[in-house]
Amino acid sequence: LSGLIFLALYIIVLTTYYYQQKDVIGGMAIAGVSVFVIGLFFWLAGVLNNAVFGIILGVMVVGFIALWVENK
């Protein structure tokens, strides 16, 4: 259930950033970082398990790689 909540949060941040800036790659990076920071707090509190936090970390890395490749 916690994975679905973080997926919904990622999609909300991504679509909000896209509608404001019209930039999908930047939205992926911003959404990845925001979900990572919130997920880190929940993971440290023991609410979030390691598998879901690993997926969140992977999504953040993919967003940064896409942003880095686009700017190169």
C-alpha atoms as a PDB file:
ATOM      1  CA  LEU A   1       0.000   0.000   0.000  1.00  0.00           C
ATOM      2  CA  SER A   2       2.831   2.403   0.767  1.00  0.00           C
ATOM      3  CA  GLY A   3       4.291   1.850  -2.697  1.00  0.00           C
ATOM      4  CA  LEU A   4       1.027   2.925  -4.294  1.00  0.00           C
ATOM      5  CA  ILE A   5       0.905   6.049  -2.148  1.00  0.00           C
ATOM      6  CA  PHE A   6       4.398   7.034  -3.250  1.00  0.00           C
ATOM      7  CA  LEU A   7       3.535   6.232  -6.869  1.00  0.00           C
ATOM      8  CA  ALA A   8       0.535   8.556  -6.622  1.00  0.00           C
ATOM      9  CA  LEU A   9       2.721  11.260  -5.085  1.00  0.00           C
ATOM     10  CA  TYR A  10       5.262  10.857  -7.908  1.00  0.00           C
ATOM     11  CA  ILE A  11       2.559  11.163 -10.563  1.00  0.00           C
ATOM     12  CA  ILE A  12       1.014  14.217  -8.887  1.00  0.00           C
ATOM     13  CA  VAL A  13       4.349  16.043  -8.705  1.00  0.00           C
ATOM     14  CA  LEU A  14       5.286  15.006 -12.261  1.00  0.00           C
ATOM     15  CA  THR A  15       2.025  16.178 -13.818  1.00  0.00           C
ATOM     16  CA  THR A  16       2.005  19.414 -11.816  1.00  0.00           C
ATOM     17  CA  TYR A  17       5.545  20.248 -12.914  1.00  0.00           C
ATOM     18  CA  TYR A  18       4.736  19.298 -16.519  1.00  0.00           C
ATOM     19  CA  TYR A  19       1.671  21.544 -16.655  1.00  0.00           C
ATOM     20  CA  GLN A  20       3.646  24.466 -15.235  1.00  0.00           C
ATOM     21  CA  GLN A  21       6.938  24.108 -17.142  1.00  0.00           C
ATOM     22  CA  LYS A  22       6.124  21.801 -20.115  1.00  0.00           C
ATOM     23  CA  ASP A  23       9.243  19.751 -19.324  1.00  0.00           C
ATOM     24  CA  VAL A  24       8.815  16.009 -18.766  1.00  0.00           C
ATOM     25  CA  ILE A  25      12.474  15.232 -18.066  1.00  0.00           C
ATOM     26  CA  GLY A  26      12.775  18.005 -15.491  1.00  0.00           C
ATOM     27  CA  GLY A  27       9.524  16.839 -13.956  1.00  0.00           C
ATOM     28  CA  MET A  28      10.913  13.328 -13.620  1.00  0.00           C
ATOM     29  CA  ALA A  29      13.958  14.659 -11.776  1.00  0.00           C
ATOM     30  CA  ILE A  30      11.944  16.949  -9.485  1.00  0.00           C
ATOM     31  CA  ALA A  31       9.363  14.257  -8.736  1.00  0.00           C
ATOM     32  CA  GLY A  32      12.091  11.688  -8.098  1.00  0.00           C
ATOM     33  CA  VAL A  33      13.900  13.904  -5.614  1.00  0.00           C
ATOM     34  CA  SER A  34      10.744  14.960  -3.798  1.00  0.00           C
ATOM     35  CA  VAL A  35       9.484  11.390  -3.454  1.00  0.00           C
ATOM     36  CA  PHE A  36      12.972  10.276  -2.385  1.00  0.00           C
ATOM     37  CA  VAL A  37      13.171  12.856   0.397  1.00  0.00           C
ATOM     38  CA  ILE A  38       9.715  12.013   1.726  1.00  0.00           C
ATOM     39  CA  GLY A  39      10.401   8.292   1.330  1.00  0.00           C
ATOM     40  CA  LEU A  40      13.692   8.640   3.195  1.00  0.00           C
ATOM     41  CA  PHE A  41      11.891  10.035   6.221  1.00  0.00           C
ATOM     42  CA  PHE A  42       9.338   7.211   6.132  1.00  0.00           C
ATOM     43  CA  TRP A  43      12.087   4.615   5.624  1.00  0.00           C
ATOM     44  CA  LEU A  44      14.089   5.932   8.582  1.00  0.00           C
ATOM     45  CA  ALA A  45      10.931   5.853  10.704  1.00  0.00           C
ATOM     46  CA  GLY A  46      10.439   2.189   9.776  1.00  0.00           C
ATOM     47  CA  VAL A  47       7.153   2.655   7.944  1.00  0.00           C
ATOM     48  CA  LEU A  48       8.547   1.954   4.469  1.00  0.00           C
ATOM     49  CA  ASN A  49      10.189  -1.370   3.633  1.00  0.00           C
ATOM     50  CA  ASN A  50      13.495  -1.755   1.820  1.00  0.00           C
ATOM     51  CA  ALA A  51      12.032  -2.941  -1.496  1.00  0.00           C
ATOM     52  CA  VAL A  52       9.795   0.091  -1.938  1.00  0.00           C
ATOM     53  CA  PHE A  53      12.598   2.440  -0.893  1.00  0.00           C
ATOM     54  CA  GLY A  54      14.913   0.763  -3.418  1.00  0.00           C
ATOM     55  CA  ILE A  55      12.376   1.360  -6.171  1.00  0.00           C
ATOM     56  CA  ILE A  56      12.059   5.010  -5.110  1.00  0.00           C
ATOM     57  CA  LEU A  57      15.837   5.364  -5.204  1.00  0.00           C
ATOM     58  CA  GLY A  58      15.930   3.780  -8.673  1.00  0.00           C
ATOM     59  CA  VAL A  59      13.273   6.142  -9.992  1.00  0.00           C
ATOM     60  CA  MET A  60      15.262   9.106  -8.700  1.00  0.00           C
ATOM     61  CA  VAL A  61      18.435   7.845 -10.389  1.00  0.00           C
ATOM     62  CA  VAL A  62      16.601   7.296 -13.693  1.00  0.00           C
ATOM     63  CA  GLY A  63      15.258  10.865 -13.563  1.00  0.00           C
ATOM     64  CA  PHE A  64      18.720  12.286 -12.958  1.00  0.00           C
ATOM     65  CA  ILE A  65      20.262  10.185 -15.733  1.00  0.00           C
ATOM     66  CA  ALA A  66      17.579  11.381 -18.158  1.00  0.00           C
ATOM     67  CA  LEU A  67      18.208  14.985 -17.120  1.00  0.00           C
ATOM     68  CA  TRP A  68      21.974  14.555 -17.460  1.00  0.00           C
ATOM     69  CA  VAL A  69      21.707  12.951 -20.926  1.00  0.00           C
ATOM     70  CA  GLU A  70      19.327  15.672 -22.120  1.00  0.00           C
ATOM     71  CA  ASN A  71      21.702  18.467 -21.062  1.00  0.00           C
ATOM     72  CA  LYS A  72      24.821  16.835 -22.475  1.00  0.00           C
END
